[in-house]
Amino acid sequence: MADNGDEEYRIQQGDYVVLKRGDIFKAVQIVPKKKIIFEKQWFFLDNAVGNLYSTTFEISSGGILQPQKLKETGNPSDLKEAGTDNRNIVDDGKSQKLTRDDIETLKEQGLKGQEIIQQLIENSSTFRDKTEYAQDKYIKKKKKKYENTVTILKPSCRILAMMYHGREPGKICHLRYDTLAQMLTLANIHAHSKVLVFETCAGLVLGSIMERMGGYGSVIQMYPGGGPVRAGVESFGFPAHFHDTLHEFPICHVNALLAGELDTTAKDPTLNLAADEEQIQPEAEQQGSPEEQNMETNAAQDQEKIEKEKRREAKVRPIFAKNVCLIIRLFRRLVIASRFHPCPVLMTLLKFLAPSRPFVVYSQYKETLIECYTKLKEQGGTVNLRLSDTWLRHYQVLPNRTHPVLLMSGGGGYLLSGTTVAMDQSKPAASQRSEEPAPKRQKVKDTEG
């Protein structure tokens, strides 16, 4: 039985977890008797409940997970002799005696991945002639193909950033995890912060900020369109009190808020579209429905939907007014990472940021951030402006084989960071220029000759 103190480190029913095999990740939720398909294999996660995170499981017949046992024996190549070089090895496809049908027969007999790899080594005519490095590479390649193992990890901003960047980088604007770490550092995100966020990275940046804050403080998410996208936030699996610190506000109402024309008591158009559509639908059905019985049933269902929408609106409207009150107060941090041009968004949202507070803007292209940099310099009110790019390279660290990995990411995007300052509005710039003494003009003497 698990101790009460380590329950947070153990897999529980309903938790969001990340499956890992090699460099491939997938975020799923543990649901009883739900079939999970990962890397062309299917299994159930019921047996994983109660085990520690970062446990590696073997997939047995029937899709049942079993914790992998520690092997006492070493690498299969330890007992094999190795050659001096590979110059005499010819890759003609005839070195392996086992055929594909033979390997499928071994799988049907219940042999595990390690046993199949051992059979491949014994039936390879060129394995003994390969060098030790080539043998290790061969075994690593076969393990990736035949070992039916999966590791269950606890979600974190780094793991989820690697997952999105490896599977669907376009959804997060090609934001790499090292760039995300620099954004959190430059914005000085910590507990009890008040952060204003505008992002279109599937909620990854928003979830990373909430994870860094630890459930303390407040976060306002500015969102475009009809509603916020928080698929990445759900993958973190935050407790309920984390979501109490999260608020949202449509960015289309920002200009009205700055002008003082936003009416919080009126109906919000973005919250009332569904109710308007539902009010139109019953009228059309009453005119075009031939059967009175079906018409009455549809009208009753539509009326119930309208009442449900009204109850939802009654709950949402005070929340909308509360979020407006939060936005009126000045924020302490500003984070922008979106697929839109950041310049108009930055210039608008900087008005909600208090003096001497950091801000950071991410963009996949440097040209947009250069425009932001130029406008901030012209407008003033910011100091310590810095435009930087991130560069990352992985290294293979093995005995006598340490070198940079040949395949690497081409770029991790660009960051514009700075700090706001209070401007002296008592004297305009024109009056300051008029007070400066005019330079003396030199008298030119006319010379005749």
Protein backbone atom coordinates (compact mmCIF):
# COMPACT_ATOMS: atom_id res chain seq x y z
CA MET A 1 0.00 0.00 0.00
CA ALA A 2 1.14 3.52 -0.73
CA ASP A 3 1.75 5.98 2.06
CA ASN A 4 -0.48 9.02 2.28
CA GLY A 5 2.54 11.29 1.86
CA ASP A 6 3.43 10.09 -1.64
CA GLU A 7 -0.05 10.06 -3.19
CA GLU A 8 0.85 13.04 -5.38
CA TYR A 9 3.72 11.00 -6.84
CA ARG A 10 1.48 8.04 -7.67
CA ILE A 11 -0.84 7.61 -10.62
CA GLN A 12 -4.48 8.13 -9.65
CA GLN A 13 -7.75 7.50 -11.43
CA GLY A 14 -8.73 10.45 -13.62
CA ASP A 15 -5.22 11.96 -13.72
CA TYR A 16 -3.78 13.47 -16.87
CA VAL A 17 -0.52 11.71 -17.74
CA VAL A 18 2.03 11.74 -20.56
CA LEU A 19 3.00 8.51 -22.31
CA LYS A 20 6.60 8.27 -23.50
CA ARG A 21 8.41 5.88 -25.80
CA GLY A 22 11.76 7.06 -27.03
CA ASP A 23 11.30 10.65 -28.17
CA ILE A 24 7.54 10.32 -28.74
CA PHE A 25 5.06 11.76 -26.20
CA LYS A 26 1.27 11.69 -25.91
CA ALA A 27 -0.98 13.26 -23.27
CA VAL A 28 -3.99 11.19 -22.15
CA GLN A 29 -6.36 10.93 -19.20
CA ILE A 30 -6.65 7.75 -17.15
CA VAL A 31 -10.21 6.50 -17.63
CA PRO A 32 -11.30 2.98 -16.60
CA LYS A 33 -11.51 0.47 -19.46
CA LYS A 34 -10.59 3.05 -22.09
CA LYS A 35 -8.48 1.76 -24.98
CA ILE A 36 -5.40 3.88 -25.63
CA ILE A 37 -3.67 3.74 -29.02
CA PHE A 38 -0.05 4.86 -28.91
CA GLU A 39 2.62 4.18 -31.55
CA LYS A 40 0.50 1.56 -33.38
CA GLN A 41 -0.22 -0.35 -30.16
CA TRP A 42 -3.29 -0.44 -27.98
CA PHE A 43 -3.52 -1.03 -24.24
CA PHE A 44 -5.46 -0.10 -21.10
CA LEU A 45 -4.17 2.10 -18.28
CA ASP A 46 -6.17 0.47 -15.47
CA ASN A 47 -3.18 -1.43 -14.05
CA ALA A 48 -1.07 1.74 -13.95
CA VAL A 49 -3.17 3.21 -11.11
CA GLY A 50 -1.26 3.14 -7.83
CA ASN A 51 2.20 2.96 -9.36
CA LEU A 52 4.76 5.74 -9.18
CA TYR A 53 5.17 8.22 -11.99
CA SER A 54 8.10 7.60 -14.38
CA THR A 55 7.46 3.84 -14.15
CA THR A 56 8.10 1.82 -17.30
CA PHE A 57 5.47 -0.77 -18.17
CA GLU A 58 5.51 -3.73 -20.50
CA ILE A 59 2.51 -4.27 -22.75
CA SER A 60 1.41 -7.89 -22.48
CA SER A 61 -1.27 -9.76 -24.38
CA GLY A 62 -4.72 -8.23 -24.10
CA GLY A 63 -3.32 -4.72 -23.71
CA ILE A 64 -2.56 -5.17 -20.01
CA LEU A 65 0.27 -3.11 -18.52
CA GLN A 66 2.77 -4.74 -16.17
CA PRO A 67 5.64 -2.90 -14.44
CA GLN A 68 8.91 -3.75 -16.11
CA LYS A 69 11.23 -5.80 -13.95
CA LEU A 70 14.84 -4.79 -13.56
CA LYS A 71 17.06 -7.07 -15.60
CA GLU A 72 20.05 -8.54 -13.81
CA THR A 73 21.76 -9.48 -17.04
CA GLY A 74 23.55 -6.81 -18.97
CA ASN A 75 23.47 -5.91 -22.62
CA PRO A 76 23.07 -8.91 -24.97
CA SER A 77 26.23 -7.82 -26.78
CA ASP A 78 28.36 -8.09 -23.61
CA LEU A 79 28.94 -11.79 -24.11
CA LYS A 80 29.52 -11.49 -27.85
CA GLU A 81 32.82 -10.90 -29.56
CA ALA A 82 33.22 -7.78 -31.66
CA GLY A 83 35.16 -7.06 -34.81
CA THR A 84 37.75 -4.39 -35.45
CA ASP A 85 36.05 -2.60 -38.35
CA ASN A 86 33.04 -2.84 -40.66
CA ARG A 87 34.81 -2.62 -44.02
CA ASN A 88 34.16 -6.26 -44.94
CA ILE A 89 30.45 -6.22 -44.09
CA VAL A 90 28.16 -6.08 -47.12
CA ASP A 91 24.57 -4.99 -46.56
CA ASP A 92 22.88 -7.29 -49.07
CA GLY A 93 19.86 -8.19 -46.91
CA LYS A 94 20.94 -11.84 -46.60
CA SER A 95 22.69 -11.65 -43.22
CA GLN A 96 19.50 -12.24 -41.21
CA LYS A 97 18.20 -15.81 -41.32
CA LEU A 98 14.85 -15.02 -39.66
CA THR A 99 12.12 -13.86 -41.99
CA ARG A 100 9.19 -11.59 -41.18
CA ASP A 101 6.91 -14.62 -40.83
CA ASP A 102 9.31 -16.19 -38.35
CA ILE A 103 9.30 -13.01 -36.23
CA GLU A 104 5.50 -12.90 -36.26
CA THR A 105 5.46 -16.54 -35.14
CA LEU A 106 7.75 -15.67 -32.22
CA LYS A 107 5.36 -12.88 -31.22
CA GLU A 108 2.41 -15.28 -31.33
CA GLN A 109 4.30 -17.70 -29.10
CA GLY A 110 4.45 -14.98 -26.43
CA LEU A 111 8.11 -14.02 -26.67
CA LYS A 112 8.88 -10.55 -25.34
CA GLY A 113 10.89 -7.88 -27.06
CA GLN A 114 14.20 -8.74 -25.36
CA GLU A 115 13.87 -12.41 -26.32
CA ILE A 116 13.08 -11.54 -29.94
CA ILE A 117 16.15 -9.30 -30.07
CA GLN A 118 18.27 -12.15 -28.73
CA GLN A 119 16.94 -14.42 -31.49
CA LEU A 120 17.78 -11.78 -34.11
CA ILE A 121 21.33 -11.51 -32.79
CA GLU A 122 21.86 -15.27 -32.81
CA ASN A 123 20.53 -15.59 -36.37
CA SER A 124 22.59 -12.70 -37.77
CA SER A 125 25.69 -13.82 -39.65
CA THR A 126 27.38 -10.39 -39.52
CA PHE A 127 26.70 -9.36 -35.91
CA ARG A 128 29.98 -10.80 -34.57
CA ASP A 129 31.98 -9.03 -37.29
CA LYS A 130 30.58 -5.59 -36.37
CA THR A 131 32.45 -3.26 -34.08
CA GLU A 132 31.27 -2.74 -30.53
CA TYR A 133 29.76 0.63 -31.44
CA ALA A 134 27.90 -0.87 -34.40
CA GLN A 135 26.56 -3.68 -32.23
CA ASP A 136 25.19 -1.19 -29.70
CA LYS A 137 23.58 0.79 -32.49
CA TYR A 138 22.02 -2.39 -33.92
CA ILE A 139 20.58 -3.41 -30.54
CA LYS A 140 19.23 0.10 -29.90
CA LYS A 141 17.48 0.07 -33.27
CA LYS A 142 15.90 -3.32 -32.64
CA LYS A 143 14.78 -2.32 -29.14
CA LYS A 144 12.94 0.65 -30.56
CA LYS A 145 11.12 -1.67 -33.00
CA TYR A 146 10.32 -4.77 -30.94
CA GLU A 147 10.24 -3.80 -27.25
CA ASN A 148 6.64 -3.22 -26.16
CA THR A 149 7.26 -0.75 -23.34
CA VAL A 150 5.76 2.59 -22.37
CA THR A 151 6.73 5.06 -19.64
CA ILE A 152 4.09 7.11 -17.81
CA LEU A 153 5.25 10.61 -16.80
CA LYS A 154 3.72 13.38 -14.73
CA PRO A 155 2.82 16.38 -16.94
CA SER A 156 5.04 19.46 -16.71
CA CYS A 157 5.60 22.49 -18.91
CA ARG A 158 8.85 21.05 -20.25
CA ILE A 159 7.37 17.65 -21.13
CA LEU A 160 4.26 19.14 -22.73
CA ALA A 161 6.35 21.67 -24.68
CA MET A 162 8.49 18.83 -26.04
CA MET A 163 5.35 16.86 -26.88
CA TYR A 164 3.72 19.71 -28.83
CA HIS A 165 6.98 20.69 -30.53
CA GLY A 166 7.57 17.10 -31.65
CA ARG A 167 4.03 16.23 -32.75
CA GLU A 168 2.25 19.48 -33.72
CA PRO A 169 4.65 22.46 -33.65
CA GLY A 170 2.26 24.62 -35.68
CA LYS A 171 -0.28 24.60 -32.84
CA ILE A 172 2.18 26.33 -30.50
CA CYS A 173 3.72 28.66 -33.13
CA HIS A 174 6.89 26.50 -33.14
CA LEU A 175 7.62 27.50 -29.54
CA ARG A 176 10.48 25.40 -28.18
CA TYR A 177 10.78 24.47 -24.52
CA ASP A 178 14.01 26.43 -23.97
CA THR A 179 12.33 29.55 -25.39
CA LEU A 180 9.36 28.96 -23.09
CA ALA A 181 11.72 28.76 -20.11
CA GLN A 182 13.30 32.08 -21.08
CA MET A 183 9.86 33.68 -21.37
CA LEU A 184 8.96 32.63 -17.82
CA THR A 185 12.30 33.94 -16.55
CA LEU A 186 12.19 37.28 -18.40
CA ALA A 187 8.61 37.90 -17.24
CA ASN A 188 9.64 37.04 -13.65
CA ILE A 189 6.67 34.72 -13.11
CA HIS A 190 6.29 33.57 -9.49
CA ALA A 191 3.60 33.00 -6.88
CA HIS A 192 1.21 35.88 -6.04
CA SER A 193 1.85 37.54 -9.40
CA LYS A 194 -0.81 39.30 -11.46
CA VAL A 195 -0.19 38.34 -15.07
CA LEU A 196 -1.84 39.48 -18.29
CA VAL A 197 -1.53 36.83 -21.02
CA PHE A 198 -2.37 36.88 -24.71
CA GLU A 199 -1.47 33.62 -26.43
CA THR A 200 -2.63 31.35 -29.22
CA CYS A 201 -0.40 28.38 -28.36
CA ALA A 202 -3.20 25.95 -27.42
CA GLY A 203 -2.92 27.04 -23.78
CA LEU A 204 0.68 25.84 -23.34
CA VAL A 205 2.04 29.26 -22.29
CA LEU A 206 -0.96 29.86 -20.04
CA GLY A 207 -0.55 26.47 -18.36
CA SER A 208 3.19 27.03 -17.86
CA ILE A 209 2.49 30.36 -16.15
CA MET A 210 -0.12 28.75 -13.87
CA GLU A 211 2.31 25.95 -13.01
CA ARG A 212 5.03 28.44 -12.09
CA MET A 213 2.59 30.45 -9.92
CA GLY A 214 1.54 27.34 -7.99
CA GLY A 215 -2.10 28.33 -7.59
CA TYR A 216 -1.40 31.74 -6.00
CA GLY A 217 -2.08 35.07 -7.69
CA SER A 218 -4.29 35.87 -10.66
CA VAL A 219 -4.03 35.38 -14.42
CA ILE A 220 -6.14 37.21 -17.00
CA GLN A 221 -6.23 35.55 -20.41
CA MET A 222 -7.00 37.81 -23.34
CA TYR A 223 -8.47 35.69 -26.10
CA PRO A 224 -9.53 36.31 -29.71
CA GLY A 225 -12.64 34.86 -31.26
CA GLY A 226 -15.62 33.37 -29.48
CA GLY A 227 -13.84 31.79 -26.53
CA PRO A 228 -10.46 30.87 -25.02
CA VAL A 229 -8.58 27.74 -26.17
CA ARG A 230 -7.22 25.78 -23.20
CA ALA A 231 -6.42 22.31 -24.48
CA GLY A 232 -2.88 22.59 -23.14
CA VAL A 233 -4.09 23.76 -19.72
CA GLU A 234 -6.26 20.65 -19.34
CA SER A 235 -3.26 18.42 -20.09
CA PHE A 236 -1.48 19.78 -16.99
CA GLY A 237 -4.17 18.28 -14.75
CA PHE A 238 -4.22 21.17 -12.28
CA PRO A 239 -6.22 20.91 -9.03
CA ALA A 240 -9.49 22.79 -8.76
CA HIS A 241 -8.04 25.73 -6.80
CA PHE A 242 -5.63 26.49 -9.66
CA HIS A 243 -8.57 27.35 -11.92
CA ASP A 244 -9.90 29.83 -9.36
CA THR A 245 -6.96 32.11 -10.20
CA LEU A 246 -7.71 32.03 -13.95
CA HIS A 247 -9.93 34.65 -15.59
CA GLU A 248 -10.64 35.52 -19.21
CA PHE A 249 -11.57 38.61 -21.18
CA PRO A 250 -12.24 39.02 -24.93
CA ILE A 251 -9.63 41.21 -26.58
CA CYS A 252 -12.28 42.70 -28.89
CA HIS A 253 -13.63 44.69 -25.89
CA VAL A 254 -10.26 46.21 -24.90
CA ASN A 255 -10.65 49.41 -26.93
CA ALA A 256 -14.12 49.98 -25.48
CA LEU A 257 -12.71 49.40 -22.00
CA LEU A 258 -9.93 51.95 -22.56
CA ALA A 259 -12.42 54.49 -23.89
CA GLY A 260 -14.74 53.95 -20.92
CA GLU A 261 -17.59 52.85 -23.16
CA LEU A 262 -17.84 49.21 -22.02
CA ASP A 263 -21.17 48.46 -20.33
CA THR A 264 -20.75 45.51 -17.97
CA THR A 265 -24.48 45.34 -17.24
CA ALA A 266 -25.43 44.85 -20.89
CA LYS A 267 -25.43 41.48 -22.54
CA ASP A 268 -22.09 40.40 -23.92
CA PRO A 269 -22.46 39.60 -27.64
CA THR A 270 -19.95 36.76 -27.45
CA LEU A 271 -21.93 35.08 -24.66
CA ASN A 272 -25.37 35.41 -26.25
CA LEU A 273 -24.86 34.01 -29.75
CA ALA A 274 -26.06 30.55 -28.84
CA ALA A 275 -29.25 31.89 -27.24
CA ASP A 276 -30.04 34.04 -30.30
CA GLU A 277 -29.57 31.07 -32.62
CA GLU A 278 -31.78 28.90 -30.43
CA GLN A 279 -34.52 31.53 -30.45
CA ILE A 280 -34.47 31.65 -34.25
CA GLN A 281 -34.50 27.87 -34.71
CA PRO A 282 -37.89 27.17 -33.02
CA GLU A 283 -39.59 29.83 -35.16
CA ALA A 284 -38.28 28.23 -38.33
CA GLU A 285 -39.34 24.79 -37.14
CA GLN A 286 -42.83 25.98 -36.30
CA GLN A 287 -43.26 27.38 -39.80
CA GLY A 288 -41.80 24.47 -41.74
CA SER A 289 -42.59 21.37 -39.62
CA PRO A 290 -45.46 19.33 -41.03
CA GLU A 291 -46.16 17.22 -37.93
CA GLU A 292 -47.62 18.99 -34.92
CA GLN A 293 -46.40 16.37 -32.46
CA ASN A 294 -42.78 16.69 -33.54
CA MET A 295 -43.16 20.46 -33.55
CA GLU A 296 -44.34 20.50 -29.94
CA THR A 297 -41.49 18.19 -28.88
CA ASN A 298 -38.88 20.34 -30.61
CA ALA A 299 -40.38 23.51 -29.17
CA ALA A 300 -40.22 22.07 -25.65
CA GLN A 301 -36.59 21.05 -26.12
CA ASP A 302 -35.68 24.43 -27.55
CA GLN A 303 -37.42 26.22 -24.70
CA GLU A 304 -35.43 24.14 -22.23
CA LYS A 305 -32.21 25.07 -24.03
CA ILE A 306 -33.12 28.75 -23.95
CA GLU A 307 -33.79 28.63 -20.21
CA LYS A 308 -30.52 26.79 -19.67
CA GLU A 309 -28.67 29.45 -21.68
CA LYS A 310 -30.33 32.20 -19.63
CA ARG A 311 -29.22 30.56 -16.40
CA ARG A 312 -25.70 30.26 -17.78
CA GLU A 313 -25.73 33.91 -18.86
CA ALA A 314 -26.90 34.97 -15.38
CA LYS A 315 -23.85 33.22 -13.95
CA VAL A 316 -21.41 34.48 -16.60
CA ARG A 317 -22.43 38.14 -16.52
CA PRO A 318 -21.20 38.85 -12.95
CA ILE A 319 -18.00 36.97 -13.77
CA PHE A 320 -17.55 39.18 -16.85
CA ALA A 321 -18.05 42.31 -14.69
CA LYS A 322 -15.59 40.97 -12.12
CA ASN A 323 -12.96 40.40 -14.81
CA VAL A 324 -13.44 43.98 -16.01
CA CYS A 325 -12.71 45.22 -12.50
CA LEU A 326 -9.55 43.12 -12.44
CA ILE A 327 -8.38 44.52 -15.77
CA ILE A 328 -8.91 48.13 -14.71
CA ARG A 329 -6.25 47.62 -12.06
CA LEU A 330 -2.69 47.63 -13.31
CA PHE A 331 -0.94 44.32 -13.95
CA ARG A 332 2.54 43.30 -12.89
CA ARG A 333 3.57 41.13 -15.87
CA LEU A 334 2.67 40.92 -19.54
CA VAL A 335 3.25 37.86 -21.74
CA ILE A 336 2.35 37.74 -25.45
CA ALA A 337 2.81 34.71 -27.72
CA SER A 338 0.46 34.46 -30.67
CA ARG A 339 0.22 33.89 -34.39
CA PHE A 340 -1.09 37.43 -34.89
CA HIS A 341 1.09 40.47 -35.49
CA PRO A 342 2.24 41.42 -31.99
CA CYS A 343 2.69 45.17 -32.55
CA PRO A 344 -0.93 46.42 -32.15
CA VAL A 345 -1.57 43.94 -29.33
CA LEU A 346 1.56 45.01 -27.46
CA MET A 347 0.86 48.73 -27.80
CA THR A 348 -2.67 48.26 -26.48
CA LEU A 349 -1.96 45.90 -23.59
CA LEU A 350 1.03 47.92 -22.36
CA LYS A 351 -1.50 50.49 -21.13
CA PHE A 352 -2.66 47.98 -18.52
CA LEU A 353 0.87 47.34 -17.21
CA ALA A 354 2.12 49.19 -14.14
CA PRO A 355 5.44 51.10 -14.25
CA SER A 356 8.66 49.23 -13.52
CA ARG A 357 7.14 45.91 -14.60
CA PRO A 358 8.55 43.36 -17.10
CA PHE A 359 6.98 42.27 -20.36
CA VAL A 360 7.99 39.68 -22.94
CA VAL A 361 6.75 39.06 -26.49
CA TYR A 362 7.37 35.89 -28.50
CA SER A 363 7.21 35.64 -32.27
CA GLN A 364 8.35 33.07 -34.76
CA TYR A 365 9.66 35.87 -37.01
CA LYS A 366 12.09 38.62 -36.07
CA GLU A 367 10.67 41.21 -38.49
CA THR A 368 7.50 41.66 -36.43
CA LEU A 369 9.50 42.13 -33.24
CA ILE A 370 11.82 44.64 -34.95
CA GLU A 371 8.74 46.73 -35.71
CA CYS A 372 7.66 46.50 -32.07
CA TYR A 373 11.17 47.47 -30.95
CA THR A 374 11.18 50.54 -33.21
CA LYS A 375 7.75 51.73 -32.07
CA LEU A 376 8.62 51.30 -28.40
CA LYS A 377 11.76 53.36 -28.90
CA GLU A 378 9.79 56.11 -30.60
CA GLN A 379 6.94 56.10 -28.10
CA GLY A 380 9.05 55.85 -24.96
CA GLY A 381 7.91 54.52 -21.61
CA THR A 382 10.11 51.42 -21.76
CA VAL A 383 13.73 50.70 -20.92
CA ASN A 384 16.10 47.76 -21.19
CA LEU A 385 14.61 46.66 -24.50
CA ARG A 386 16.24 43.50 -25.74
CA LEU A 387 15.59 41.48 -28.90
CA SER A 388 17.10 38.00 -28.76
CA ASP A 389 16.87 34.61 -30.40
CA THR A 390 17.32 31.19 -28.81
CA TRP A 391 19.61 28.44 -30.03
CA LEU A 392 19.68 24.88 -28.76
CA ARG A 393 21.70 21.84 -29.73
CA HIS A 394 21.60 18.35 -28.26
CA TYR A 395 24.71 16.28 -27.66
CA GLN A 396 25.17 12.54 -27.67
CA VAL A 397 27.20 11.62 -24.60
CA LEU A 398 28.61 8.08 -24.86
CA PRO A 399 32.06 6.61 -24.20
CA ASN A 400 34.36 7.69 -27.04
CA ARG A 401 31.31 8.83 -29.02
CA THR A 402 30.43 12.26 -27.62
CA HIS A 403 29.44 14.62 -30.41
CA PRO A 404 26.59 16.98 -31.37
CA VAL A 405 23.44 15.35 -32.68
CA LEU A 406 23.27 15.79 -36.43
CA LEU A 407 19.52 16.53 -36.55
CA MET A 408 18.58 19.64 -34.61
CA SER A 409 15.93 22.33 -34.53
CA GLY A 410 16.51 25.17 -36.95
CA GLY A 411 15.29 27.90 -34.62
CA GLY A 412 13.35 28.47 -31.46
CA GLY A 413 11.79 31.82 -32.31
CA TYR A 414 12.59 35.34 -31.10
CA LEU A 415 11.89 37.22 -27.87
CA LEU A 416 11.41 40.92 -27.20
CA SER A 417 11.65 41.85 -23.52
CA GLY A 418 11.78 45.08 -21.57
CA THR A 419 10.61 47.03 -18.54
CA THR A 420 8.00 49.76 -18.37
CA VAL A 421 8.75 53.15 -16.76
CA ALA A 422 6.54 56.10 -15.79
CA MET A 423 6.78 58.95 -18.27
CA ASP A 424 6.80 62.60 -17.19
CA GLN A 425 3.63 63.96 -18.76
CA SER A 426 3.92 67.46 -17.21
CA LYS A 427 5.90 68.85 -20.12
CA PRO A 428 5.40 67.80 -23.70
CA ALA A 429 8.36 67.00 -25.84
CA ALA A 430 7.90 70.20 -27.94
CA SER A 431 8.17 72.51 -24.91
CA GLN A 432 11.29 70.71 -23.73
CA ARG A 433 12.91 71.30 -27.11
CA SER A 434 11.98 75.02 -27.02
CA GLU A 435 13.75 75.54 -23.69
CA GLU A 436 17.05 74.37 -25.09
CA PRO A 437 19.29 77.29 -26.10
CA ALA A 438 19.55 77.81 -29.81
CA PRO A 439 23.02 77.38 -31.25
CA LYS A 440 24.77 80.60 -32.19
CA ARG A 441 25.07 81.40 -35.85
CA GLN A 442 28.44 82.39 -37.11
CA LYS A 443 28.61 85.76 -38.80
CA VAL A 444 29.89 85.49 -42.31
CA LYS A 445 31.88 88.45 -43.57
CA ASP A 446 31.48 89.43 -47.16
CA THR A 447 34.82 89.80 -48.91
CA GLU A 448 35.16 91.86 -52.03
CA GLY A 449 37.74 91.11 -54.47
